[in-house]
Amino acid sequence: MTVYVDDMYKHPMGQFRRMKMSHMIADTDDELHAMADRIEVAWKWYQGDHYDIAMTKRELAIQYGAKPITLKQLAMMAALRKRGESMGEPETAQERYMALRKERRTT
């Protein structure tokens, strides 16, 4: 089980006023909430499948074992999870998501 933080802060949409943010997701909600507790992010900031976190919290999450990934990888992993699939590894998420979409179109 793993927690992931993306690099949304590099993109224009990753900024709210002066604060740069990232998404934090995990294989399970329990693991996600445990990391939120550990880095002191209130559960009220839970967005249904992820947290939006400030850069300081992102760095803290990485110190506690979260894996940094790209925004695109996170988006593909979240899409897989939303479809009831395992998020799997970030490196193969896009390939797996596209294969799943293709498979569902042909059935």
C-alpha atoms as a PDB file:
ATOM      1  CA  MET A   1       0.000   0.000   0.000  1.00  0.00           C
ATOM      2  CA  THR A   2       1.300   3.430  -0.925  1.00  0.00           C
ATOM      3  CA  VAL A   3       0.457   7.113  -0.624  1.00  0.00           C
ATOM      4  CA  TYR A   4       1.190   9.333  -3.631  1.00  0.00           C
ATOM      5  CA  VAL A   5       1.619  13.112  -4.049  1.00  0.00           C
ATOM      6  CA  ASP A   6       1.575  14.763  -7.450  1.00  0.00           C
ATOM      7  CA  ASP A   7       3.345  17.778  -8.928  1.00  0.00           C
ATOM      8  CA  MET A   8       0.231  19.880  -9.531  1.00  0.00           C
ATOM      9  CA  TYR A   9       2.090  22.823  -7.959  1.00  0.00           C
ATOM     10  CA  LYS A  10       4.068  23.104 -11.234  1.00  0.00           C
ATOM     11  CA  HIS A  11       0.874  23.859 -13.181  1.00  0.00           C
ATOM     12  CA  PRO A  12      -1.147  27.103 -13.148  1.00  0.00           C
ATOM     13  CA  MET A  13      -4.155  25.267 -11.710  1.00  0.00           C
ATOM     14  CA  GLY A  14      -2.020  24.161  -8.776  1.00  0.00           C
ATOM     15  CA  GLN A  15      -2.038  27.581  -7.219  1.00  0.00           C
ATOM     16  CA  PHE A  16      -4.709  29.015  -4.927  1.00  0.00           C
ATOM     17  CA  ARG A  17      -3.866  32.644  -4.290  1.00  0.00           C
ATOM     18  CA  ARG A  18      -0.254  32.490  -3.059  1.00  0.00           C
ATOM     19  CA  MET A  19      -0.405  28.841  -1.980  1.00  0.00           C
ATOM     20  CA  LYS A  20       0.885  26.143  -4.317  1.00  0.00           C
ATOM     21  CA  MET A  21      -0.811  22.785  -3.886  1.00  0.00           C
ATOM     22  CA  SER A  22      -0.603  19.114  -4.756  1.00  0.00           C
ATOM     23  CA  HIS A  23      -3.008  16.191  -4.601  1.00  0.00           C
ATOM     24  CA  MET A  24      -2.465  13.323  -2.192  1.00  0.00           C
ATOM     25  CA  ILE A  25      -4.057   9.922  -2.919  1.00  0.00           C
ATOM     26  CA  ALA A  26      -3.543   6.379  -1.670  1.00  0.00           C
ATOM     27  CA  ASP A  27      -4.466   2.814  -2.451  1.00  0.00           C
ATOM     28  CA  THR A  28      -7.083   2.893   0.324  1.00  0.00           C
ATOM     29  CA  ASP A  29      -8.998   5.606   2.176  1.00  0.00           C
ATOM     30  CA  ASP A  30      -7.685   4.262   5.486  1.00  0.00           C
ATOM     31  CA  GLU A  31      -4.112   4.727   4.340  1.00  0.00           C
ATOM     32  CA  LEU A  32      -4.886   8.172   2.942  1.00  0.00           C
ATOM     33  CA  HIS A  33      -6.495   9.348   6.186  1.00  0.00           C
ATOM     34  CA  ALA A  34      -3.634   7.875   8.229  1.00  0.00           C
ATOM     35  CA  MET A  35      -1.153   9.972   6.236  1.00  0.00           C
ATOM     36  CA  ALA A  36      -3.395  13.033   6.602  1.00  0.00           C
ATOM     37  CA  ASP A  37      -3.313  12.508  10.367  1.00  0.00           C
ATOM     38  CA  ARG A  38       0.439  12.038  10.335  1.00  0.00           C
ATOM     39  CA  ILE A  39       1.100  15.278   8.427  1.00  0.00           C
ATOM     40  CA  GLU A  40      -1.653  17.092  10.341  1.00  0.00           C
ATOM     41  CA  VAL A  41      -4.110  17.730   7.517  1.00  0.00           C
ATOM     42  CA  ALA A  42      -7.690  17.957   8.781  1.00  0.00           C
ATOM     43  CA  TRP A  43     -10.124  15.370   7.417  1.00  0.00           C
ATOM     44  CA  LYS A  44     -12.497  18.195   6.474  1.00  0.00           C
ATOM     45  CA  TRP A  45     -10.172  18.827   3.505  1.00  0.00           C
ATOM     46  CA  TYR A  46     -10.869  15.329   2.121  1.00  0.00           C
ATOM     47  CA  GLN A  47     -12.181  15.656  -1.437  1.00  0.00           C
ATOM     48  CA  GLY A  48     -13.886  12.249  -1.762  1.00  0.00           C
ATOM     49  CA  ASP A  49     -10.813  10.403  -3.061  1.00  0.00           C
ATOM     50  CA  HIS A  50      -7.909  12.760  -2.348  1.00  0.00           C
ATOM     51  CA  TYR A  51      -6.649  15.693  -0.330  1.00  0.00           C
ATOM     52  CA  ASP A  52      -5.377  18.990  -1.719  1.00  0.00           C
ATOM     53  CA  ILE A  53      -2.259  19.762   0.295  1.00  0.00           C
ATOM     54  CA  ALA A  54       0.180  22.676   0.534  1.00  0.00           C
ATOM     55  CA  MET A  55       3.820  22.284  -0.472  1.00  0.00           C
ATOM     56  CA  THR A  56       4.969  22.039   3.158  1.00  0.00           C
ATOM     57  CA  LYS A  57       2.577  19.113   3.729  1.00  0.00           C
ATOM     58  CA  ARG A  58       3.690  17.503   0.440  1.00  0.00           C
ATOM     59  CA  GLU A  59       7.312  17.538   1.573  1.00  0.00           C
ATOM     60  CA  LEU A  60       6.321  16.148   4.961  1.00  0.00           C
ATOM     61  CA  ALA A  61       4.302  13.348   3.301  1.00  0.00           C
ATOM     62  CA  ILE A  62       7.353  12.457   1.182  1.00  0.00           C
ATOM     63  CA  GLN A  63       9.477  12.351   4.336  1.00  0.00           C
ATOM     64  CA  TYR A  64       6.955   9.852   5.757  1.00  0.00           C
ATOM     65  CA  GLY A  65       7.102   7.644   2.672  1.00  0.00           C
ATOM     66  CA  ALA A  66       4.691   9.115   0.113  1.00  0.00           C
ATOM     67  CA  LYS A  67       5.830   8.602  -3.459  1.00  0.00           C
ATOM     68  CA  PRO A  68       6.083  11.693  -5.714  1.00  0.00           C
ATOM     69  CA  ILE A  69       4.362  11.231  -9.085  1.00  0.00           C
ATOM     70  CA  THR A  70       3.219  13.439 -11.961  1.00  0.00           C
ATOM     71  CA  LEU A  71      -0.199  15.047 -12.183  1.00  0.00           C
ATOM     72  CA  LYS A  72      -0.953  12.909 -15.243  1.00  0.00           C
ATOM     73  CA  GLN A  73      -0.048   9.701 -13.419  1.00  0.00           C
ATOM     74  CA  LEU A  74      -2.260  10.681 -10.500  1.00  0.00           C
ATOM     75  CA  ALA A  75      -5.166  11.477 -12.831  1.00  0.00           C
ATOM     76  CA  MET A  76      -4.898   8.072 -14.512  1.00  0.00           C
ATOM     77  CA  MET A  77      -4.611   6.252 -11.183  1.00  0.00           C
ATOM     78  CA  ALA A  78      -7.627   8.100  -9.786  1.00  0.00           C
ATOM     79  CA  ALA A  79      -9.614   7.243 -12.938  1.00  0.00           C
ATOM     80  CA  LEU A  80      -8.748   3.550 -12.549  1.00  0.00           C
ATOM     81  CA  ARG A  81      -9.791   3.587  -8.887  1.00  0.00           C
ATOM     82  CA  LYS A  82     -13.056   5.356  -9.773  1.00  0.00           C
ATOM     83  CA  ARG A  83     -13.831   2.518 -12.205  1.00  0.00           C
ATOM     84  CA  GLY A  84     -13.294  -0.037  -9.442  1.00  0.00           C
ATOM     85  CA  GLU A  85      -9.869  -1.094 -10.646  1.00  0.00           C
ATOM     86  CA  SER A  86      -6.625  -1.241  -8.715  1.00  0.00           C
ATOM     87  CA  MET A  87      -4.609   1.950  -9.101  1.00  0.00           C
ATOM     88  CA  GLY A  88      -1.491  -0.128  -9.669  1.00  0.00           C
ATOM     89  CA  GLU A  89       1.859   1.494 -10.332  1.00  0.00           C
ATOM     90  CA  PRO A  90       2.132   5.090 -11.550  1.00  0.00           C
ATOM     91  CA  GLU A  91       4.450   4.104 -14.398  1.00  0.00           C
ATOM     92  CA  THR A  92       1.783   1.881 -16.013  1.00  0.00           C
ATOM     93  CA  ALA A  93      -1.399   3.755 -15.024  1.00  0.00           C
ATOM     94  CA  GLN A  94      -1.968   5.529 -18.342  1.00  0.00           C
ATOM     95  CA  GLU A  95      -1.340   2.383 -20.375  1.00  0.00           C
ATOM     96  CA  ARG A  96      -3.705   0.363 -18.146  1.00  0.00           C
ATOM     97  CA  TYR A  97      -6.409   3.039 -18.241  1.00  0.00           C
ATOM     98  CA  MET A  98      -6.297   3.300 -22.043  1.00  0.00           C
ATOM     99  CA  ALA A  99      -6.435  -0.501 -22.408  1.00  0.00           C
ATOM    100  CA  LEU A 100      -9.440  -0.632 -20.076  1.00  0.00           C
ATOM    101  CA  ARG A 101     -11.252   2.078 -22.061  1.00  0.00           C
ATOM    102  CA  LYS A 102     -10.537   0.252 -25.316  1.00  0.00           C
ATOM    103  CA  GLU A 103     -11.730  -3.050 -23.858  1.00  0.00           C
ATOM    104  CA  ARG A 104     -14.982  -1.526 -22.610  1.00  0.00           C
ATOM    105  CA  ARG A 105     -15.668   0.069 -26.024  1.00  0.00           C
ATOM    106  CA  THR A 106     -15.371  -3.273 -27.802  1.00  0.00           C
ATOM    107  CA  THR A 107     -17.603  -5.259 -25.431  1.00  0.00           C
END
